[in-house]
Each structure stands twice: as C-alpha cells, then as structure tokens.
N, C-alpha and C. Protein backbone atom coordinates (compact mmCIF):
# COMPACT_ATOMS: atom_id res chain seq x y z
N MET A 1 85.05 33.65 116.67
CA MET A 1 84.37 33.75 118.07
C MET A 1 85.14 32.73 118.91
N ALA A 2 85.83 33.33 120.05
CA ALA A 2 86.08 32.29 120.96
C ALA A 2 85.02 31.77 121.76
N LYS A 3 84.84 30.44 122.16
CA LYS A 3 83.75 29.91 123.07
C LYS A 3 84.67 29.08 124.34
N VAL A 4 84.10 28.74 125.22
CA VAL A 4 84.44 28.37 126.67
C VAL A 4 83.62 27.23 126.86
N ILE A 5 83.75 25.82 126.89
CA ILE A 5 83.43 24.56 127.23
C ILE A 5 82.76 24.56 128.74
N TRP A 6 81.70 24.32 129.00
CA TRP A 6 81.18 24.28 129.99
C TRP A 6 80.57 22.89 130.57
N LYS A 7 80.38 22.34 131.50
CA LYS A 7 79.73 20.91 131.88
C LYS A 7 78.15 21.18 131.45
N PRO A 8 77.09 20.06 131.22
CA PRO A 8 76.30 19.87 130.85
C PRO A 8 75.23 20.53 131.83
N GLY A 9 74.51 21.57 131.03
CA GLY A 9 73.36 21.90 132.79
C GLY A 9 72.06 22.49 131.82
N THR A 10 71.79 23.45 132.41
CA THR A 10 70.29 24.60 132.33
C THR A 10 70.84 25.74 131.45
N MET A 11 70.64 25.75 130.20
CA MET A 11 71.50 26.83 129.58
C MET A 11 70.30 27.53 128.50
N LEU A 12 69.19 26.29 128.58
CA LEU A 12 67.87 26.98 127.39
C LEU A 12 67.07 28.07 128.31
N TYR A 13 67.81 29.54 128.15
CA TYR A 13 67.33 30.29 128.41
C TYR A 13 66.52 31.46 127.80
N PRO A 14 65.52 32.42 127.70
CA PRO A 14 64.77 32.53 128.74
C PRO A 14 63.62 31.79 128.83
N VAL A 15 62.96 31.36 129.94
CA VAL A 15 61.99 30.61 129.89
C VAL A 15 60.99 31.00 130.71
N PRO A 16 59.75 30.45 130.07
CA PRO A 16 58.18 31.12 131.01
C PRO A 16 58.52 30.85 132.65
N ALA A 17 58.08 32.01 133.28
CA ALA A 17 57.75 31.94 134.91
C ALA A 17 56.52 31.66 135.13
N ILE A 18 55.86 30.26 135.15
CA ILE A 18 54.39 29.91 135.52
C ILE A 18 54.07 29.98 136.80
N MET A 19 52.87 30.27 136.89
CA MET A 19 52.74 29.68 138.39
C MET A 19 51.46 28.74 138.18
N VAL A 20 52.04 27.39 138.64
CA VAL A 20 51.00 26.56 138.53
C VAL A 20 49.96 26.16 139.84
N SER A 21 48.71 26.13 139.85
CA SER A 21 47.76 26.17 140.84
C SER A 21 47.59 24.83 140.87
N CYS A 22 47.31 23.85 142.16
CA CYS A 22 46.67 22.67 142.31
C CYS A 22 45.83 22.50 143.44
N GLY A 23 45.25 21.49 143.61
CA GLY A 23 44.44 21.08 144.83
C GLY A 23 42.99 20.79 144.31
N ASP A 24 42.28 20.12 145.02
CA ASP A 24 40.95 19.57 144.91
C ASP A 24 39.59 20.06 145.68
N LYS A 25 40.53 20.77 146.73
CA LYS A 25 39.49 21.30 147.72
C LYS A 25 40.30 22.96 148.19
N SER A 26 39.21 23.76 148.70
CA SER A 26 40.31 24.81 149.25
C SER A 26 41.18 24.86 149.98
N GLU A 27 41.47 23.72 151.02
CA GLU A 27 41.72 23.93 152.08
C GLU A 27 43.07 23.15 151.84
N ASN A 28 43.25 22.54 150.63
CA ASN A 28 44.44 22.36 149.83
C ASN A 28 45.10 22.67 148.72
N TYR A 29 44.63 23.70 148.59
CA TYR A 29 45.06 24.91 147.08
C TYR A 29 46.10 25.19 147.33
N ASN A 30 47.25 25.13 146.18
CA ASN A 30 48.50 25.56 146.63
C ASN A 30 49.02 26.24 145.08
N ILE A 31 50.12 26.81 145.04
CA ILE A 31 50.63 27.56 143.93
C ILE A 31 51.96 27.28 144.02
N ILE A 32 52.56 26.96 143.11
CA ILE A 32 54.07 26.53 142.62
C ILE A 32 54.53 27.47 141.65
N THR A 33 55.61 27.85 141.50
CA THR A 33 56.25 28.66 140.84
C THR A 33 57.13 27.73 139.70
N ILE A 34 56.88 27.86 138.30
CA ILE A 34 57.92 26.69 137.73
C ILE A 34 58.36 27.41 136.45
N ALA A 35 59.75 27.05 136.26
CA ALA A 35 60.65 27.77 135.09
C ALA A 35 60.57 26.66 133.80
N TRP A 36 60.57 25.34 134.86
CA TRP A 36 60.78 24.07 133.41
C TRP A 36 59.24 23.65 133.16
N ALA A 37 58.87 24.36 132.18
CA ALA A 37 57.44 23.87 131.59
C ALA A 37 57.28 24.19 130.09
N GLY A 38 56.35 23.73 129.34
CA GLY A 38 56.15 24.24 128.07
C GLY A 38 55.24 23.61 127.18
N THR A 39 54.97 23.94 126.11
CA THR A 39 54.18 23.26 124.96
C THR A 39 54.85 22.06 124.46
N ILE A 40 54.18 21.06 124.20
CA ILE A 40 54.93 19.80 124.08
C ILE A 40 54.04 18.98 122.74
N CYS A 41 52.94 19.78 122.46
CA CYS A 41 52.20 19.23 121.24
C CYS A 41 51.07 20.29 120.81
N SER A 42 50.90 20.15 119.59
CA SER A 42 49.55 20.86 119.47
C SER A 42 48.35 20.24 118.86
N GLU A 43 48.58 18.96 118.39
CA GLU A 43 47.46 18.19 118.29
C GLU A 43 47.37 17.06 118.75
N PRO A 44 47.12 16.51 120.11
CA PRO A 44 45.97 17.43 120.78
C PRO A 44 47.04 18.32 121.86
N ALA A 45 46.30 19.36 121.91
CA ALA A 45 47.17 20.38 122.68
C ALA A 45 47.61 19.82 124.20
N MET A 46 48.81 19.68 124.24
CA MET A 46 49.57 18.89 125.56
C MET A 46 50.50 20.20 126.15
N ALA A 47 51.14 19.91 127.33
CA ALA A 47 51.99 20.87 127.80
C ALA A 47 53.03 20.04 129.07
N SER A 48 53.56 20.57 129.35
CA SER A 48 54.36 19.85 130.32
C SER A 48 54.93 20.61 131.49
N ILE A 49 55.01 20.17 132.88
CA ILE A 49 55.76 20.97 133.66
C ILE A 49 56.78 19.64 134.73
N SER A 50 57.64 20.25 135.13
CA SER A 50 58.62 19.83 135.76
C SER A 50 58.80 20.00 137.18
N ILE A 51 58.57 19.09 138.20
CA ILE A 51 58.78 19.52 139.52
C ILE A 51 59.49 18.70 140.47
N ARG A 52 60.32 19.04 141.43
CA ARG A 52 60.85 18.26 142.22
C ARG A 52 60.25 17.25 143.23
N PRO A 53 60.34 16.20 143.47
CA PRO A 53 59.44 15.23 144.33
C PRO A 53 59.04 15.68 145.44
N THR A 54 60.17 16.57 145.89
CA THR A 54 60.17 16.72 147.71
C THR A 54 59.27 18.19 147.67
N ARG A 55 58.91 19.00 146.70
CA ARG A 55 57.92 20.10 146.76
C ARG A 55 56.61 19.62 147.02
N HIS A 56 56.25 20.24 147.77
CA HIS A 56 54.81 20.19 148.31
C HIS A 56 53.70 20.02 147.05
N SER A 57 53.67 20.61 146.07
CA SER A 57 52.52 20.62 145.05
C SER A 57 53.04 19.09 144.05
N TYR A 58 53.95 18.66 144.39
CA TYR A 58 54.50 17.38 143.83
C TYR A 58 53.26 16.25 143.71
N ASP A 59 52.97 16.23 145.34
CA ASP A 59 52.11 15.13 145.80
C ASP A 59 50.64 15.38 145.49
N ILE A 60 50.17 16.87 145.45
CA ILE A 60 49.01 17.19 145.56
C ILE A 60 48.60 16.90 143.88
N ILE A 61 49.48 17.08 142.78
CA ILE A 61 49.26 16.89 141.20
C ILE A 61 49.64 15.54 141.41
N LYS A 62 50.34 14.69 141.88
CA LYS A 62 50.41 13.25 141.78
C LYS A 62 49.06 12.38 142.08
N ARG A 63 48.59 12.93 143.52
CA ARG A 63 47.09 12.30 143.59
C ARG A 63 46.09 12.65 142.79
N THR A 64 45.91 14.28 142.43
CA THR A 64 44.89 14.96 141.83
C THR A 64 44.51 14.33 140.34
N GLY A 65 46.27 14.23 139.57
CA GLY A 65 46.10 14.05 138.28
C GLY A 65 45.67 15.48 137.50
N GLU A 66 45.99 16.51 138.13
CA GLU A 66 44.98 17.78 137.26
C GLU A 66 46.19 19.12 137.91
N PHE A 67 46.32 20.13 137.29
CA PHE A 67 46.58 21.53 137.26
C PHE A 67 46.39 22.35 136.61
N VAL A 68 46.46 23.73 136.89
CA VAL A 68 46.55 24.90 136.17
C VAL A 68 47.41 25.84 135.73
N ILE A 69 47.88 25.95 134.41
CA ILE A 69 49.37 26.76 134.39
C ILE A 69 48.52 28.33 134.39
N ASN A 70 49.18 28.83 135.03
CA ASN A 70 48.88 30.48 135.00
C ASN A 70 49.80 31.32 134.68
N LEU A 71 49.87 32.23 133.67
CA LEU A 71 50.69 33.05 132.78
C LEU A 71 50.77 34.05 134.28
N THR A 72 52.49 34.75 134.12
CA THR A 72 52.77 35.59 134.89
C THR A 72 52.73 37.08 134.51
N THR A 73 52.73 37.89 135.44
CA THR A 73 52.84 39.27 134.48
C THR A 73 54.15 40.29 135.05
N LYS A 74 54.43 41.30 135.39
CA LYS A 74 54.58 42.27 135.97
C LYS A 74 54.00 42.72 137.07
N LYS A 75 52.68 42.39 137.24
CA LYS A 75 52.21 42.65 138.24
C LYS A 75 51.99 41.57 139.18
N LEU A 76 52.19 40.58 138.69
CA LEU A 76 52.37 39.25 139.10
C LEU A 76 53.86 38.77 139.80
N VAL A 77 54.77 39.70 139.52
CA VAL A 77 56.19 39.16 139.31
C VAL A 77 56.53 38.66 141.09
N PHE A 78 55.86 39.63 142.17
CA PHE A 78 56.30 39.27 143.47
C PHE A 78 55.78 38.13 144.05
N ALA A 79 54.49 37.84 143.44
CA ALA A 79 53.59 36.64 143.81
C ALA A 79 54.27 35.49 143.02
N ALA A 80 55.13 35.94 142.01
CA ALA A 80 55.43 34.59 141.04
C ALA A 80 56.60 34.11 142.06
N ASP A 81 57.53 34.97 142.38
CA ASP A 81 59.04 34.98 143.18
C ASP A 81 58.32 34.37 144.63
N PHE A 82 57.21 34.50 145.46
CA PHE A 82 56.89 33.97 146.61
C PHE A 82 56.79 32.93 146.36
N CYS A 83 55.60 32.54 145.72
CA CYS A 83 55.02 31.07 145.47
C CYS A 83 56.22 30.04 144.94
N GLY A 84 57.72 30.44 144.38
CA GLY A 84 58.82 29.96 144.32
C GLY A 84 59.69 29.43 145.50
N VAL A 85 59.40 30.49 146.24
CA VAL A 85 60.41 30.26 147.56
C VAL A 85 60.11 29.77 148.70
N LYS A 86 58.64 30.31 148.78
CA LYS A 86 57.85 29.33 150.19
C LYS A 86 57.09 28.29 149.55
N SER A 87 56.94 27.28 150.84
CA SER A 87 56.26 26.22 150.75
C SER A 87 54.67 26.28 150.99
N GLY A 88 54.32 25.60 150.23
CA GLY A 88 52.34 25.65 150.81
C GLY A 88 52.17 24.53 151.96
N ARG A 89 53.28 23.74 152.34
CA ARG A 89 53.26 23.17 153.82
C ARG A 89 53.21 24.23 154.96
N GLU A 90 53.97 25.65 154.70
CA GLU A 90 53.55 26.49 155.58
C GLU A 90 52.72 27.54 155.71
N VAL A 91 52.51 28.04 154.35
CA VAL A 91 51.39 29.27 154.10
C VAL A 91 50.66 28.99 153.32
N ASN A 92 49.74 29.52 153.22
CA ASN A 92 48.67 29.58 152.44
C ASN A 92 48.55 30.63 151.11
N LYS A 93 49.21 30.30 150.08
CA LYS A 93 49.39 31.11 149.09
C LYS A 93 48.39 32.37 148.57
N PHE A 94 47.38 31.63 148.39
CA PHE A 94 46.31 32.36 147.95
C PHE A 94 46.02 33.34 148.84
N ALA A 95 45.92 33.05 150.00
CA ALA A 95 45.66 34.04 151.20
C ALA A 95 46.53 34.99 151.73
N LYS A 96 47.75 34.65 151.84
CA LYS A 96 49.14 35.18 152.20
C LYS A 96 48.98 36.72 150.76
N LEU A 97 48.94 36.11 149.74
CA LEU A 97 49.08 37.23 148.42
C LEU A 97 47.87 37.82 148.15
N LYS A 98 46.58 37.63 148.80
CA LYS A 98 45.43 37.94 148.24
C LYS A 98 45.25 37.73 146.75
N LEU A 99 45.54 36.57 146.66
CA LEU A 99 45.13 36.11 145.20
C LEU A 99 43.84 35.24 145.08
N SER A 100 42.84 35.75 143.70
CA SER A 100 41.68 34.69 143.61
C SER A 100 41.83 33.47 143.26
N ALA A 101 41.19 32.45 143.96
CA ALA A 101 40.95 31.00 143.60
C ALA A 101 39.63 30.95 142.48
N VAL A 102 39.93 30.84 141.70
CA VAL A 102 38.36 30.82 140.56
C VAL A 102 38.15 29.29 140.39
N LYS A 103 37.16 29.02 140.51
CA LYS A 103 36.65 27.43 139.47
C LYS A 103 36.84 27.48 138.20
N GLY A 104 37.41 26.21 137.92
CA GLY A 104 37.83 25.86 136.70
C GLY A 104 36.57 25.31 136.12
N LYS A 105 36.82 25.08 134.84
CA LYS A 105 35.25 24.62 133.94
C LYS A 105 35.66 22.90 134.19
N HIS A 106 36.69 22.64 133.75
CA HIS A 106 37.16 20.91 133.59
C HIS A 106 37.65 20.38 134.94
N VAL A 107 38.56 20.77 135.44
CA VAL A 107 39.46 20.45 136.83
C VAL A 107 39.18 21.24 138.11
N SER A 108 39.55 20.88 139.08
CA SER A 108 39.08 21.07 140.67
C SER A 108 40.14 21.80 141.07
N ALA A 109 41.24 21.95 140.17
CA ALA A 109 42.31 23.00 140.98
C ALA A 109 41.70 24.27 140.42
N PRO A 110 41.82 25.36 141.08
CA PRO A 110 41.81 26.55 140.84
C PRO A 110 42.40 27.50 139.98
N LEU A 111 41.76 27.87 139.35
CA LEU A 111 42.65 29.14 138.61
C LEU A 111 42.81 30.53 139.09
N ILE A 112 44.36 31.15 139.08
CA ILE A 112 44.50 32.17 139.50
C ILE A 112 43.80 33.21 138.76
N GLY A 113 42.90 33.94 139.13
CA GLY A 113 41.70 34.91 138.74
C GLY A 113 42.68 35.92 138.24
N GLU A 114 44.08 36.47 138.83
CA GLU A 114 44.91 37.70 138.35
C GLU A 114 45.58 37.21 136.96
N SER A 115 45.43 36.16 136.91
CA SER A 115 46.59 35.92 135.90
C SER A 115 45.84 35.93 134.60
N PRO A 116 46.17 36.52 133.59
CA PRO A 116 46.07 36.83 131.98
C PRO A 116 45.21 35.72 131.22
N VAL A 117 45.95 34.59 131.52
CA VAL A 117 45.70 33.13 130.86
C VAL A 117 46.31 32.31 131.85
N ASN A 118 45.03 31.25 131.59
CA ASN A 118 44.88 30.04 132.93
C ASN A 118 44.48 29.00 131.80
N ILE A 119 45.40 27.85 132.14
CA ILE A 119 45.28 26.65 131.13
C ILE A 119 45.29 25.49 131.97
N GLU A 120 43.69 24.83 131.80
CA GLU A 120 43.30 23.79 132.64
C GLU A 120 44.02 22.45 131.89
N CYS A 121 44.81 21.65 132.90
CA CYS A 121 45.62 20.48 132.23
C CYS A 121 44.91 19.21 132.92
N LYS A 122 44.85 18.27 132.19
CA LYS A 122 45.04 16.68 133.47
C LYS A 122 46.15 15.49 132.94
N VAL A 123 46.71 15.27 133.80
CA VAL A 123 47.88 14.69 133.38
C VAL A 123 47.58 13.52 133.13
N THR A 124 48.62 12.78 131.67
CA THR A 124 48.64 11.82 131.04
C THR A 124 49.56 10.64 131.30
N GLU A 125 50.54 11.20 132.02
CA GLU A 125 51.68 10.59 132.43
C GLU A 125 53.01 11.33 133.19
N CYS A 126 53.60 10.51 134.10
CA CYS A 126 54.61 11.41 134.83
C CYS A 126 55.89 10.47 134.68
N LYS A 127 57.02 11.23 134.24
CA LYS A 127 57.98 10.61 133.74
C LYS A 127 59.37 10.82 134.59
N HIS A 128 59.64 9.87 135.50
CA HIS A 128 61.02 10.38 136.18
C HIS A 128 61.96 10.72 135.61
N LEU A 129 62.79 11.66 135.78
CA LEU A 129 63.86 12.10 134.94
C LEU A 129 65.23 12.46 135.63
N GLY A 130 65.28 12.14 137.00
CA GLY A 130 66.64 12.66 137.52
C GLY A 130 66.09 13.53 139.00
N SER A 131 66.40 14.72 138.89
CA SER A 131 66.32 15.70 139.85
C SER A 131 64.74 15.95 139.91
N HIS A 132 64.12 16.26 138.86
CA HIS A 132 62.73 16.34 138.54
C HIS A 132 62.30 15.25 137.79
N ASP A 133 60.66 15.43 138.05
CA ASP A 133 59.89 14.60 137.61
C ASP A 133 59.09 15.12 136.51
N MET A 134 58.48 14.94 135.40
CA MET A 134 58.10 15.42 134.16
C MET A 134 56.45 15.16 134.28
N PHE A 135 55.44 15.96 134.51
CA PHE A 135 54.09 16.13 134.38
C PHE A 135 53.71 16.10 133.04
N ILE A 136 53.22 14.99 132.34
CA ILE A 136 52.80 15.47 130.69
C ILE A 136 51.34 15.50 130.93
N ALA A 137 50.91 16.45 130.28
CA ALA A 137 49.27 16.90 130.41
C ALA A 137 48.64 17.28 128.82
N LYS A 138 47.42 16.88 129.22
CA LYS A 138 46.44 17.33 128.16
C LYS A 138 45.77 18.47 128.52
N VAL A 139 45.92 19.93 127.38
CA VAL A 139 45.40 21.20 127.86
C VAL A 139 43.63 20.72 127.71
N LEU A 140 43.27 20.98 128.49
CA LEU A 140 41.29 20.64 128.45
C LEU A 140 40.93 21.97 128.04
N CYS A 141 41.25 23.21 128.39
CA CYS A 141 40.73 24.44 127.85
C CYS A 141 41.60 25.54 128.59
N ILE A 142 41.59 26.76 127.90
CA ILE A 142 41.78 28.16 128.05
C ILE A 142 41.28 29.18 128.48
N HIS A 143 41.19 29.68 129.13
CA HIS A 143 40.77 30.96 129.62
C HIS A 143 41.82 32.39 129.84
N ALA A 144 41.21 33.14 128.91
CA ALA A 144 41.97 34.29 128.37
C ALA A 144 40.92 35.56 129.08
N ASP A 145 41.47 36.28 129.64
CA ASP A 145 41.19 37.39 129.97
C ASP A 145 40.37 38.40 128.68
N LYS A 146 39.34 38.89 128.97
CA LYS A 146 38.84 39.61 128.04
C LYS A 146 39.39 40.84 127.52
N ARG A 147 40.19 41.68 128.84
CA ARG A 147 41.09 42.93 128.61
C ARG A 147 42.10 42.70 127.46
N TYR A 148 42.55 41.63 127.07
CA TYR A 148 43.49 41.56 126.09
C TYR A 148 42.94 41.06 124.66
N ILE A 149 41.96 40.65 124.42
CA ILE A 149 41.53 40.41 123.45
C ILE A 149 41.11 41.73 122.22
N ASN A 150 41.74 41.72 121.14
CA ASN A 150 41.35 42.94 120.55
C ASN A 150 40.13 42.67 119.51
N LYS A 151 39.69 43.76 118.71
CA LYS A 151 38.25 43.49 118.12
C LYS A 151 38.19 42.47 117.01
N LYS A 152 39.49 41.91 116.23
CA LYS A 152 39.08 40.93 115.90
C LYS A 152 39.32 39.64 116.15
N GLY A 153 39.47 39.69 117.65
CA GLY A 153 39.14 38.36 118.37
C GLY A 153 40.35 37.62 118.69
N ALA A 154 41.60 38.32 118.14
CA ALA A 154 43.54 38.13 118.88
C ALA A 154 43.55 38.45 119.90
N PHE A 155 44.17 37.36 120.72
CA PHE A 155 44.74 37.87 122.11
C PHE A 155 46.36 38.40 121.81
N ASN A 156 45.94 39.67 122.73
CA ASN A 156 47.42 40.83 122.75
C ASN A 156 48.06 40.33 124.27
N LEU A 157 48.84 38.96 124.22
CA LEU A 157 49.54 39.22 125.61
C LEU A 157 50.32 39.89 125.49
N GLN A 158 51.11 40.77 124.91
CA GLN A 158 51.91 41.75 125.24
C GLN A 158 51.54 42.83 126.44
N ASP A 159 50.07 43.08 125.95
CA ASP A 159 49.45 44.37 126.65
C ASP A 159 49.41 43.95 128.05
N SER A 160 49.40 42.58 128.70
CA SER A 160 49.32 42.16 129.93
C SER A 160 50.81 42.16 130.69
N GLU A 161 51.88 42.58 130.03
CA GLU A 161 53.00 42.75 130.36
C GLU A 161 53.59 41.48 130.97
N PRO A 162 53.89 40.52 130.07
CA PRO A 162 54.63 39.08 130.61
C PRO A 162 55.86 39.03 131.35
N ILE A 163 56.08 38.11 131.98
CA ILE A 163 57.58 38.29 132.34
C ILE A 163 58.05 36.47 131.99
N CYS A 164 59.36 36.32 132.06
CA CYS A 164 59.92 35.23 131.70
C CYS A 164 61.21 35.11 132.83
N TYR A 165 61.93 34.29 132.84
CA TYR A 165 62.71 33.89 133.98
C TYR A 165 64.21 33.74 133.23
N SER A 166 65.46 34.13 133.68
CA SER A 166 66.48 33.59 132.94
C SER A 166 67.74 33.90 134.11
N HIS A 167 68.29 32.48 134.42
CA HIS A 167 69.41 32.81 135.12
C HIS A 167 69.31 33.25 136.77
N GLY A 168 68.15 32.85 137.40
CA GLY A 168 67.72 33.44 138.68
C GLY A 168 67.48 34.78 138.82
N LYS A 169 67.00 35.66 137.52
CA LYS A 169 66.12 37.15 137.69
C LYS A 169 64.77 36.96 136.34
N TYR A 170 63.92 37.76 136.82
CA TYR A 170 62.79 37.67 136.41
C TYR A 170 63.21 38.99 135.27
N TYR A 171 62.62 38.84 133.89
CA TYR A 171 62.53 39.93 132.98
C TYR A 171 61.03 39.99 132.39
N LEU A 172 60.99 41.75 132.36
CA LEU A 172 59.98 41.81 131.28
C LEU A 172 60.07 41.61 129.97
N LEU A 173 59.03 40.81 129.24
CA LEU A 173 59.03 40.46 127.91
C LEU A 173 59.77 42.19 127.16
N GLY A 174 60.10 42.12 125.82
CA GLY A 174 60.21 43.21 125.22
C GLY A 174 59.66 43.56 124.34
N ARG A 175 59.96 44.14 123.25
CA ARG A 175 59.16 44.70 121.97
C ARG A 175 59.16 43.31 120.78
N GLU A 176 58.50 43.67 119.84
CA GLU A 176 58.29 42.45 118.82
C GLU A 176 59.13 42.95 117.77
N LEU A 177 59.98 41.98 117.59
CA LEU A 177 61.17 41.92 116.20
C LEU A 177 60.46 41.27 114.75
N GLY A 178 59.30 41.01 114.81
CA GLY A 178 58.87 40.11 113.61
C GLY A 178 57.56 39.22 114.05
N HIS A 179 57.08 38.86 113.32
CA HIS A 179 56.17 37.45 113.38
C HIS A 179 56.23 36.38 112.47
N PHE A 180 55.64 35.35 112.75
CA PHE A 180 56.04 33.99 112.27
C PHE A 180 55.65 34.38 110.60
N GLY A 181 56.95 33.75 109.76
CA GLY A 181 56.96 33.63 108.16
C GLY A 181 57.02 35.21 107.84
N PHE A 182 57.49 36.14 108.79
CA PHE A 182 58.11 37.45 107.99
C PHE A 182 59.42 37.28 107.35
N SER A 183 60.20 36.31 107.58
CA SER A 183 61.74 36.12 106.77
C SER A 183 60.94 35.81 105.59
N VAL A 184 60.35 34.91 105.37
CA VAL A 184 60.26 34.90 103.74
C VAL A 184 58.71 35.37 102.86
N ARG A 185 58.07 36.36 103.78
CA ARG A 185 56.97 37.14 103.23
C ARG A 185 57.25 38.08 101.53
N LYS A 186 56.41 37.77 100.93
CA LYS A 186 56.84 38.33 99.62
C LYS A 186 56.33 39.91 99.96
N LYS A 187 57.52 40.89 99.43
CA LYS A 187 57.33 42.08 99.50
C LYS A 187 56.13 42.53 98.63
N LYS A 188 55.36 43.83 98.86
CA LYS A 188 54.04 44.26 98.28
C LYS A 188 54.73 45.07 97.27
C-alpha cells in the first residue's frame, strides 16, 4: 500500500463534537463547540478540553474554574455548528438557539437541557500547549437523560443519535460493529 507523507497535523479523526457550557451567572453564560476534548483518566474520572486563549469561553473558564461538557446529537447539529462559529461576545447563544440553561448539581455553569448527557467538570490544571490551552478537569457528576436508559439501567447513547466531527464535517454515528472484548469472547 503506497502512502504519502504529510507534515504533522491533526489527523486523529473522527472526534466528539461537544458543546461546552460555562459561566457563573445567567448574564455571562456561554456555549462553545469543541472538537479537541476527551476522557483522560478513569479513576478519578477526568476529562480535558482544549481552547484557543482568544476565544470568549476561555476567559470565563479560566476565571470560574468549571464547565459542563454537553454531548451533541443529530437534533443539536445546527446549534453545535452555530456555537462553534459565533462568539458569545456578540450573541447570547442560549437565547438565540432557544436552548435551556439548566442548573447543575456541583458547578455554577449551566447544563444544556436538550443534550442527552451533561458532564459537570472542575478544572484542576490548565496547560499551555501552543495554539490551544488544555483545561484538565475532574468529573464531578454526570446527568443522563432517562429516555435513553433501558430496563437494565444501561445508557443507550446510540438512541439519541450522537454526532462526531471529522475534517470540517459533522457525521451521525453509525451502527455497532462489535463490543468490548468480542474479539476474544469464547463461543458457546
């Protein structure tokens, strides 16, 4: 298989397209769409988001030390794109998009009510990396929409029609191809 060599860049795709909500009062609530995000530790549960210091949400999160990761869906794809290209300095995104700012349990930052999963986070560290700074945060709690919890108590994220981002485009996640450990599971 012939391959072409490219300069170093961002090629780890697809990535989650998440909406991060922040602010400590309704007058400074904001939403920023982020693709540079992820789980970084299981015990304790921790996540990271990377934001350019020029972005409006950067200063809010730096000051408050908290944020909420809100997973996105097919129904939220317009809002996710809008929140990634419009600045909170110029528009109240909650009002413009008619999204519900819901009070969290542990942080002042609002949850986005329309998101199937909201992850409350407390910043433990901010690392300057270059074009972006990475906010490393402890996960304080998770809010999961009851509509997607089955009779066994498992969360069926696929039913919410989650989306991801790849090379400037949003995609609906597809069908299941396997589950953890299926490659080594003993046949009955």
